[in-house]
PDB file of N, CA and C in Angstrom:
ATOM      1  N   UNK A   1     -12.412  10.452  -4.251  1.00  0.00           N
ATOM      2  CA  UNK A   1     -11.102  10.049  -3.764  1.00  0.00           C
ATOM      3  C   UNK A   1     -10.445  11.277  -3.117  1.00  0.00           C
ATOM      4  N   UNK A   2     -10.006  11.131  -1.881  1.00  0.00           N
ATOM      5  CA  UNK A   2      -9.386  12.259  -1.191  1.00  0.00           C
ATOM      6  C   UNK A   2      -7.920  12.423  -1.606  1.00  0.00           C
ATOM      7  N   UNK A   3      -7.295  13.497  -1.146  1.00  0.00           N
ATOM      8  CA  UNK A   3      -5.927  13.820  -1.552  1.00  0.00           C
ATOM      9  C   UNK A   3      -4.929  12.745  -1.138  1.00  0.00           C
ATOM     10  N   UNK A   4      -5.108  12.165   0.045  1.00  0.00           N
ATOM     11  CA  UNK A   4      -4.194  11.120   0.509  1.00  0.00           C
ATOM     12  C   UNK A   4      -4.288   9.884  -0.380  1.00  0.00           C
ATOM     13  N   UNK A   5      -5.492   9.528  -0.780  1.00  0.00           N
ATOM     14  CA  UNK A   5      -5.673   8.375  -1.668  1.00  0.00           C
ATOM     15  C   UNK A   5      -5.070   8.649  -3.045  1.00  0.00           C
ATOM     16  N   UNK A   6      -5.214   9.870  -3.536  1.00  0.00           N
ATOM     17  CA  UNK A   6      -4.621  10.229  -4.829  1.00  0.00           C
ATOM     18  C   UNK A   6      -3.104  10.126  -4.773  1.00  0.00           C
ATOM     19  N   UNK A   7      -2.515  10.592  -3.673  1.00  0.00           N
ATOM     20  CA  UNK A   7      -1.071  10.504  -3.510  1.00  0.00           C
ATOM     21  C   UNK A   7      -0.634   9.044  -3.450  1.00  0.00           C
ATOM     22  N   UNK A   8      -1.352   8.229  -2.701  1.00  0.00           N
ATOM     23  CA  UNK A   8      -1.026   6.811  -2.599  1.00  0.00           C
ATOM     24  C   UNK A   8      -1.164   6.131  -3.957  1.00  0.00           C
ATOM     25  N   UNK A   9      -2.200   6.452  -4.705  1.00  0.00           N
ATOM     26  CA  UNK A   9      -2.387   5.879  -6.049  1.00  0.00           C
ATOM     27  C   UNK A   9      -1.241   6.287  -6.965  1.00  0.00           C
ATOM     28  N   UNK A  10      -0.813   7.539  -6.878  1.00  0.00           N
ATOM     29  CA  UNK A  10       0.313   8.011  -7.692  1.00  0.00           C
ATOM     30  C   UNK A  10       1.595   7.274  -7.314  1.00  0.00           C
ATOM     31  N   UNK A  11       1.847   7.117  -6.015  1.00  0.00           N
ATOM     32  CA  UNK A  11       3.032   6.378  -5.553  1.00  0.00           C
ATOM     33  C   UNK A  11       2.997   4.941  -6.039  1.00  0.00           C
ATOM     34  N   UNK A  12       1.824   4.325  -6.015  1.00  0.00           N
ATOM     35  CA  UNK A  12       1.695   2.939  -6.492  1.00  0.00           C
ATOM     36  C   UNK A  12       2.075   2.842  -7.957  1.00  0.00           C
ATOM     37  N   UNK A  13       1.613   3.785  -8.750  1.00  0.00           N
ATOM     38  CA  UNK A  13       1.943   3.793 -10.175  1.00  0.00           C
ATOM     39  C   UNK A  13       3.447   3.895 -10.378  1.00  0.00           C
ATOM     40  N   UNK A  14       4.106   4.762  -9.618  1.00  0.00           N
ATOM     41  CA  UNK A  14       5.553   4.931  -9.743  1.00  0.00           C
ATOM     42  C   UNK A  14       6.314   3.680  -9.319  1.00  0.00           C
ATOM     43  N   UNK A  15       5.918   3.097  -8.195  1.00  0.00           N
ATOM     44  CA  UNK A  15       6.593   1.902  -7.685  1.00  0.00           C
ATOM     45  C   UNK A  15       6.447   0.742  -8.660  1.00  0.00           C
ATOM     46  N   UNK A  16       5.260   0.569  -9.196  1.00  0.00           N
ATOM     47  CA  UNK A  16       5.011  -0.575 -10.080  1.00  0.00           C
ATOM     48  C   UNK A  16       5.581  -0.366 -11.486  1.00  0.00           C
ATOM     49  N   UNK A  17       5.904   0.870 -11.840  1.00  0.00           N
ATOM     50  CA  UNK A  17       6.427   1.159 -13.173  1.00  0.00           C
ATOM     51  C   UNK A  17       7.900   0.784 -13.318  1.00  0.00           C
ATOM     52  N   UNK A  18       8.619   0.693 -12.221  1.00  0.00           N
ATOM     53  CA  UNK A  18      10.049   0.384 -12.309  1.00  0.00           C
ATOM     54  C   UNK A  18      10.408  -0.766 -11.373  1.00  0.00           C
ATOM     55  N   UNK A  19      10.940  -1.833 -11.921  1.00  0.00           N
ATOM     56  CA  UNK A  19      11.259  -3.028 -11.117  1.00  0.00           C
ATOM     57  C   UNK A  19      12.589  -2.911 -10.375  1.00  0.00           C
ATOM     58  N   UNK A  20      12.739  -1.858  -9.592  1.00  0.00           N
ATOM     59  CA  UNK A  20      13.975  -1.673  -8.842  1.00  0.00           C
ATOM     60  C   UNK A  20      13.892  -2.399  -7.498  1.00  0.00           C
ATOM     61  N   UNK A  21      15.046  -2.751  -6.961  1.00  0.00           N
ATOM     62  CA  UNK A  21      15.047  -3.374  -5.621  1.00  0.00           C
ATOM     63  C   UNK A  21      14.682  -2.341  -4.559  1.00  0.00           C
ATOM     64  N   UNK A  22      14.476  -2.809  -3.366  1.00  0.00           N
ATOM     65  CA  UNK A  22      14.151  -1.955  -2.223  1.00  0.00           C
ATOM     66  C   UNK A  22      12.823  -1.215  -2.440  1.00  0.00           C
ATOM     67  N   UNK A  23      11.784  -1.989  -2.594  1.00  0.00           N
ATOM     68  CA  UNK A  23      10.441  -1.440  -2.792  1.00  0.00           C
ATOM     69  C   UNK A  23      10.056  -0.637  -1.548  1.00  0.00           C
ATOM     70  N   UNK A  24       9.666   0.635  -1.721  1.00  0.00           N
ATOM     71  CA  UNK A  24       9.337   1.464  -0.567  1.00  0.00           C
ATOM     72  C   UNK A  24       8.020   1.070   0.089  1.00  0.00           C
ATOM     73  N   UNK A  25       7.935   1.354   1.344  1.00  0.00           N
ATOM     74  CA  UNK A  25       6.709   1.093   2.088  1.00  0.00           C
ATOM     75  C   UNK A  25       5.624   2.079   1.659  1.00  0.00           C
ATOM     76  N   UNK A  26       4.386   1.625   1.622  1.00  0.00           N
ATOM     77  CA  UNK A  26       3.283   2.533   1.316  1.00  0.00           C
ATOM     78  C   UNK A  26       2.805   3.330   2.527  1.00  0.00           C
ATOM     79  N   UNK A  27       3.459   3.171   3.659  1.00  0.00           N
ATOM     80  CA  UNK A  27       3.035   3.857   4.882  1.00  0.00           C
ATOM     81  C   UNK A  27       2.938   5.361   4.659  1.00  0.00           C
ATOM     82  N   UNK A  28       1.823   5.929   5.095  1.00  0.00           N
ATOM     83  CA  UNK A  28       1.577   7.367   4.982  1.00  0.00           C
ATOM     84  C   UNK A  28       1.592   8.033   6.362  1.00  0.00           C
ATOM     85  N   UNK A  29       2.009   7.286   7.382  1.00  0.00           N
ATOM     86  CA  UNK A  29       2.042   7.767   8.771  1.00  0.00           C
ATOM     87  C   UNK A  29       0.664   8.178   9.278  1.00  0.00           C
ATOM     88  N   UNK A  30      -0.343   7.482   8.803  1.00  0.00           N
ATOM     89  CA  UNK A  30      -1.725   7.649   9.268  1.00  0.00           C
ATOM     90  C   UNK A  30      -2.193   6.240   9.636  1.00  0.00           C
ATOM     91  N   UNK A  31      -1.811   5.801  10.795  1.00  0.00           N
ATOM     92  CA  UNK A  31      -2.035   4.413  11.187  1.00  0.00           C
ATOM     93  C   UNK A  31      -3.352   4.264  11.947  1.00  0.00           C
ATOM     94  N   UNK A  32      -4.430   4.192  11.181  1.00  0.00           N
ATOM     95  CA  UNK A  32      -5.771   4.039  11.743  1.00  0.00           C
ATOM     96  C   UNK A  32      -6.482   2.951  10.949  1.00  0.00           C
ATOM     97  N   UNK A  33      -6.868   1.887  11.639  1.00  0.00           N
ATOM     98  CA  UNK A  33      -7.550   0.791  10.964  1.00  0.00           C
ATOM     99  C   UNK A  33      -9.041   1.103  10.850  1.00  0.00           C
ATOM    100  N   UNK A  34      -9.552   0.990   9.644  1.00  0.00           N
ATOM    101  CA  UNK A  34     -10.978   1.198   9.395  1.00  0.00           C
ATOM    102  C   UNK A  34     -11.712  -0.065   9.834  1.00  0.00           C
ATOM    103  N   UNK A  35     -12.674   0.039  10.741  1.00  0.00           N
ATOM    104  CA  UNK A  35     -13.351  -1.157  11.250  1.00  0.00           C
ATOM    105  C   UNK A  35     -14.181  -1.893  10.200  1.00  0.00           C
ATOM    106  N   UNK A  36     -14.680  -1.194   9.204  1.00  0.00           N
ATOM    107  CA  UNK A  36     -15.498  -1.858   8.178  1.00  0.00           C
ATOM    108  C   UNK A  36     -14.651  -2.598   7.153  1.00  0.00           C
ATOM    109  N   UNK A  37     -13.585  -1.966   6.670  1.00  0.00           N
ATOM    110  CA  UNK A  37     -12.771  -2.591   5.626  1.00  0.00           C
ATOM    111  C   UNK A  37     -11.625  -3.423   6.189  1.00  0.00           C
ATOM    112  N   UNK A  38     -11.266  -3.191   7.449  1.00  0.00           N
ATOM    113  CA  UNK A  38     -10.117  -3.836   8.097  1.00  0.00           C
ATOM    114  C   UNK A  38      -8.810  -3.455   7.412  1.00  0.00           C
ATOM    115  N   UNK A  39      -8.796  -2.275   6.782  1.00  0.00           N
ATOM    116  CA  UNK A  39      -7.603  -1.752   6.123  1.00  0.00           C
ATOM    117  C   UNK A  39      -7.172  -0.473   6.828  1.00  0.00           C
ATOM    118  N   UNK A  40      -5.877  -0.201   6.766  1.00  0.00           N
ATOM    119  CA  UNK A  40      -5.368   1.050   7.306  1.00  0.00           C
ATOM    120  C   UNK A  40      -5.891   2.194   6.452  1.00  0.00           C
ATOM    121  N   UNK A  41      -6.396   3.220   7.075  1.00  0.00           N
ATOM    122  CA  UNK A  41      -6.929   4.380   6.353  1.00  0.00           C
ATOM    123  C   UNK A  41      -5.845   5.175   5.642  1.00  0.00           C
ATOM    124  N   UNK A  42      -4.594   5.006   6.054  1.00  0.00           N
ATOM    125  CA  UNK A  42      -3.495   5.727   5.427  1.00  0.00           C
ATOM    126  C   UNK A  42      -2.897   5.017   4.225  1.00  0.00           C
ATOM    127  N   UNK A  43      -2.572   3.738   4.392  1.00  0.00           N
ATOM    128  CA  UNK A  43      -1.851   3.020   3.328  1.00  0.00           C
ATOM    129  C   UNK A  43      -2.678   1.927   2.646  1.00  0.00           C
ATOM    130  N   UNK A  44      -3.851   1.682   3.117  1.00  0.00           N
ATOM    131  CA  UNK A  44      -4.742   0.680   2.536  1.00  0.00           C
ATOM    132  C   UNK A  44      -4.169  -0.735   2.563  1.00  0.00           C
ATOM    133  N   UNK A  45      -3.392  -1.033   3.615  1.00  0.00           N
ATOM    134  CA  UNK A  45      -2.908  -2.402   3.824  1.00  0.00           C
ATOM    135  C   UNK A  45      -3.652  -3.028   4.985  1.00  0.00           C
ATOM    136  N   UNK A  46      -3.714  -4.351   4.971  1.00  0.00           N
ATOM    137  CA  UNK A  46      -4.289  -5.085   6.093  1.00  0.00           C
ATOM    138  C   UNK A  46      -3.259  -5.180   7.211  1.00  0.00           C
ATOM    139  N   UNK A  47      -3.694  -5.542   8.407  1.00  0.00           N
ATOM    140  CA  UNK A  47      -2.753  -5.746   9.515  1.00  0.00           C
ATOM    141  C   UNK A  47      -1.723  -6.812   9.163  1.00  0.00           C
ATOM    142  N   UNK A  48      -2.162  -7.847   8.468  1.00  0.00           N
ATOM    143  CA  UNK A  48      -1.249  -8.922   8.067  1.00  0.00           C
ATOM    144  C   UNK A  48      -0.167  -8.386   7.123  1.00  0.00           C
ATOM    145  N   UNK A  49      -0.568  -7.573   6.157  1.00  0.00           N
ATOM    146  CA  UNK A  49       0.400  -7.010   5.213  1.00  0.00           C
ATOM    147  C   UNK A  49       1.366  -6.063   5.914  1.00  0.00           C
ATOM    148  N   UNK A  50       0.854  -5.263   6.833  1.00  0.00           N
ATOM    149  CA  UNK A  50       1.702  -4.323   7.575  1.00  0.00           C
ATOM    150  C   UNK A  50       2.723  -5.094   8.413  1.00  0.00           C
ATOM    151  N   UNK A  51       2.246  -6.106   9.124  1.00  0.00           N
ATOM    152  CA  UNK A  51       3.117  -6.886   9.998  1.00  0.00           C
ATOM    153  C   UNK A  51       4.181  -7.679   9.265  1.00  0.00           C
ATOM    154  N   UNK A  52       3.872  -8.131   8.067  1.00  0.00           N
ATOM    155  CA  UNK A  52       4.806  -8.962   7.303  1.00  0.00           C
ATOM    156  C   UNK A  52       5.734  -8.156   6.400  1.00  0.00           C
ATOM    157  N   UNK A  53       5.485  -6.865   6.242  1.00  0.00           N
ATOM    158  CA  UNK A  53       6.199  -6.048   5.254  1.00  0.00           C
ATOM    159  C   UNK A  53       7.718  -6.212   5.313  1.00  0.00           C
ATOM    160  N   UNK A  54       8.305  -6.128   6.489  1.00  0.00           N
ATOM    161  CA  UNK A  54       9.769  -6.149   6.605  1.00  0.00           C
ATOM    162  C   UNK A  54      10.374  -7.500   6.214  1.00  0.00           C
ATOM    163  N   UNK A  55       9.572  -8.538   6.194  1.00  0.00           N
ATOM    164  CA  UNK A  55      10.063  -9.875   5.842  1.00  0.00           C
ATOM    165  C   UNK A  55       9.718 -10.275   4.412  1.00  0.00           C
ATOM    166  N   UNK A  56       8.992  -9.425   3.706  1.00  0.00           N
ATOM    167  CA  UNK A  56       8.563  -9.749   2.337  1.00  0.00           C
ATOM    168  C   UNK A  56       9.680  -9.534   1.327  1.00  0.00           C
ATOM    169  N   UNK A  57       9.636 -10.325   0.277  1.00  0.00           N
ATOM    170  CA  UNK A  57      10.537 -10.108  -0.860  1.00  0.00           C
ATOM    171  C   UNK A  57      10.048  -8.873  -1.621  1.00  0.00           C
ATOM    172  N   UNK A  58      10.901  -8.345  -2.480  1.00  0.00           N
ATOM    173  CA  UNK A  58      10.489  -7.196  -3.286  1.00  0.00           C
ATOM    174  C   UNK A  58       9.286  -7.548  -4.157  1.00  0.00           C
ATOM    175  N   UNK A  59       9.251  -8.758  -4.668  1.00  0.00           N
ATOM    176  CA  UNK A  59       8.116  -9.177  -5.509  1.00  0.00           C
ATOM    177  C   UNK A  59       6.823  -9.196  -4.690  1.00  0.00           C
ATOM    178  N   UNK A  60       6.880  -9.702  -3.479  1.00  0.00           N
ATOM    179  CA  UNK A  60       5.695  -9.728  -2.614  1.00  0.00           C
ATOM    180  C   UNK A  60       5.250  -8.309  -2.265  1.00  0.00           C
ATOM    181  N   UNK A  61       6.213  -7.416  -2.065  1.00  0.00           N
ATOM    182  CA  UNK A  61       5.878  -6.017  -1.774  1.00  0.00           C
ATOM    183  C   UNK A  61       5.187  -5.378  -2.975  1.00  0.00           C
ATOM    184  N   UNK A  62       5.650  -5.686  -4.178  1.00  0.00           N
ATOM    185  CA  UNK A  62       4.987  -5.159  -5.377  1.00  0.00           C
ATOM    186  C   UNK A  62       3.554  -5.693  -5.488  1.00  0.00           C
ATOM    187  N   UNK A  63       3.359  -6.932  -5.082  1.00  0.00           N
ATOM    188  CA  UNK A  63       2.009  -7.497  -5.099  1.00  0.00           C
ATOM    189  C   UNK A  63       1.103  -6.749  -4.129  1.00  0.00           C
ATOM    190  N   UNK A  64       1.642  -6.351  -2.981  1.00  0.00           N
ATOM    191  CA  UNK A  64       0.866  -5.555  -2.035  1.00  0.00           C
ATOM    192  C   UNK A  64       0.512  -4.215  -2.677  1.00  0.00           C
ATOM    193  N   UNK A  65       1.474  -3.592  -3.333  1.00  0.00           N
ATOM    194  CA  UNK A  65       1.200  -2.331  -4.027  1.00  0.00           C
ATOM    195  C   UNK A  65       0.101  -2.511  -5.076  1.00  0.00           C
ATOM    196  N   UNK A  66       0.104  -3.631  -5.779  1.00  0.00           N
ATOM    197  CA  UNK A  66      -0.947  -3.898  -6.774  1.00  0.00           C
ATOM    198  C   UNK A  66      -2.306  -4.021  -6.088  1.00  0.00           C
ATOM    199  N   UNK A  67      -2.346  -4.707  -4.950  1.00  0.00           N
ATOM    200  CA  UNK A  67      -3.607  -4.821  -4.205  1.00  0.00           C
ATOM    201  C   UNK A  67      -4.089  -3.461  -3.709  1.00  0.00           C
ATOM    202  N   UNK A  68      -3.142  -2.619  -3.294  1.00  0.00           N
ATOM    203  CA  UNK A  68      -3.505  -1.268  -2.851  1.00  0.00           C
ATOM    204  C   UNK A  68      -4.171  -0.520  -4.012  1.00  0.00           C
ATOM    205  N   UNK A  69      -3.589  -0.607  -5.205  1.00  0.00           N
ATOM    206  CA  UNK A  69      -4.196   0.042  -6.373  1.00  0.00           C
ATOM    207  C   UNK A  69      -5.625  -0.444  -6.596  1.00  0.00           C
ATOM    208  N   UNK A  70      -5.827  -1.740  -6.483  1.00  0.00           N
ATOM    209  CA  UNK A  70      -7.159  -2.312  -6.666  1.00  0.00           C
ATOM    210  C   UNK A  70      -8.121  -1.840  -5.596  1.00  0.00           C
ATOM    211  N   UNK A  71      -7.656  -1.767  -4.368  1.00  0.00           N
ATOM    212  CA  UNK A  71      -8.522  -1.333  -3.260  1.00  0.00           C
ATOM    213  C   UNK A  71      -8.924   0.130  -3.421  1.00  0.00           C
ATOM    214  N   UNK A  72      -7.994   0.960  -3.839  1.00  0.00           N
ATOM    215  CA  UNK A  72      -8.281   2.381  -4.018  1.00  0.00           C
ATOM    216  C   UNK A  72      -9.253   2.597  -5.162  1.00  0.00           C
ATOM    217  N   UNK A  73      -9.195   1.771  -6.179  1.00  0.00           N
ATOM    218  CA  UNK A  73     -10.028   1.929  -7.367  1.00  0.00           C
ATOM    219  C   UNK A  73     -11.514   1.764  -7.063  1.00  0.00           C
ATOM    220  N   UNK A  74     -11.846   1.113  -5.949  1.00  0.00           N
ATOM    221  CA  UNK A  74     -13.252   0.872  -5.630  1.00  0.00           C
ATOM    222  C   UNK A  74     -13.859   1.972  -4.832  1.00  0.00           C
TER     223      UNK A  74
END
């Protein structure tokens, strides 16, 4: 696991540990889609998740963070 993934995993743990409103974006400002996984190499979100982020509820955003944790774990 590289340093960026470790940072993202740590951020996911923090976000999911406290049910506060205004869930932060997982964007790491590294917007490069991996052709094999179809996930952003920076934030590990799909294009669909990235595009829908601003319209998602806080609960839906937390679900994305949970999926990011699962994706990083592999």
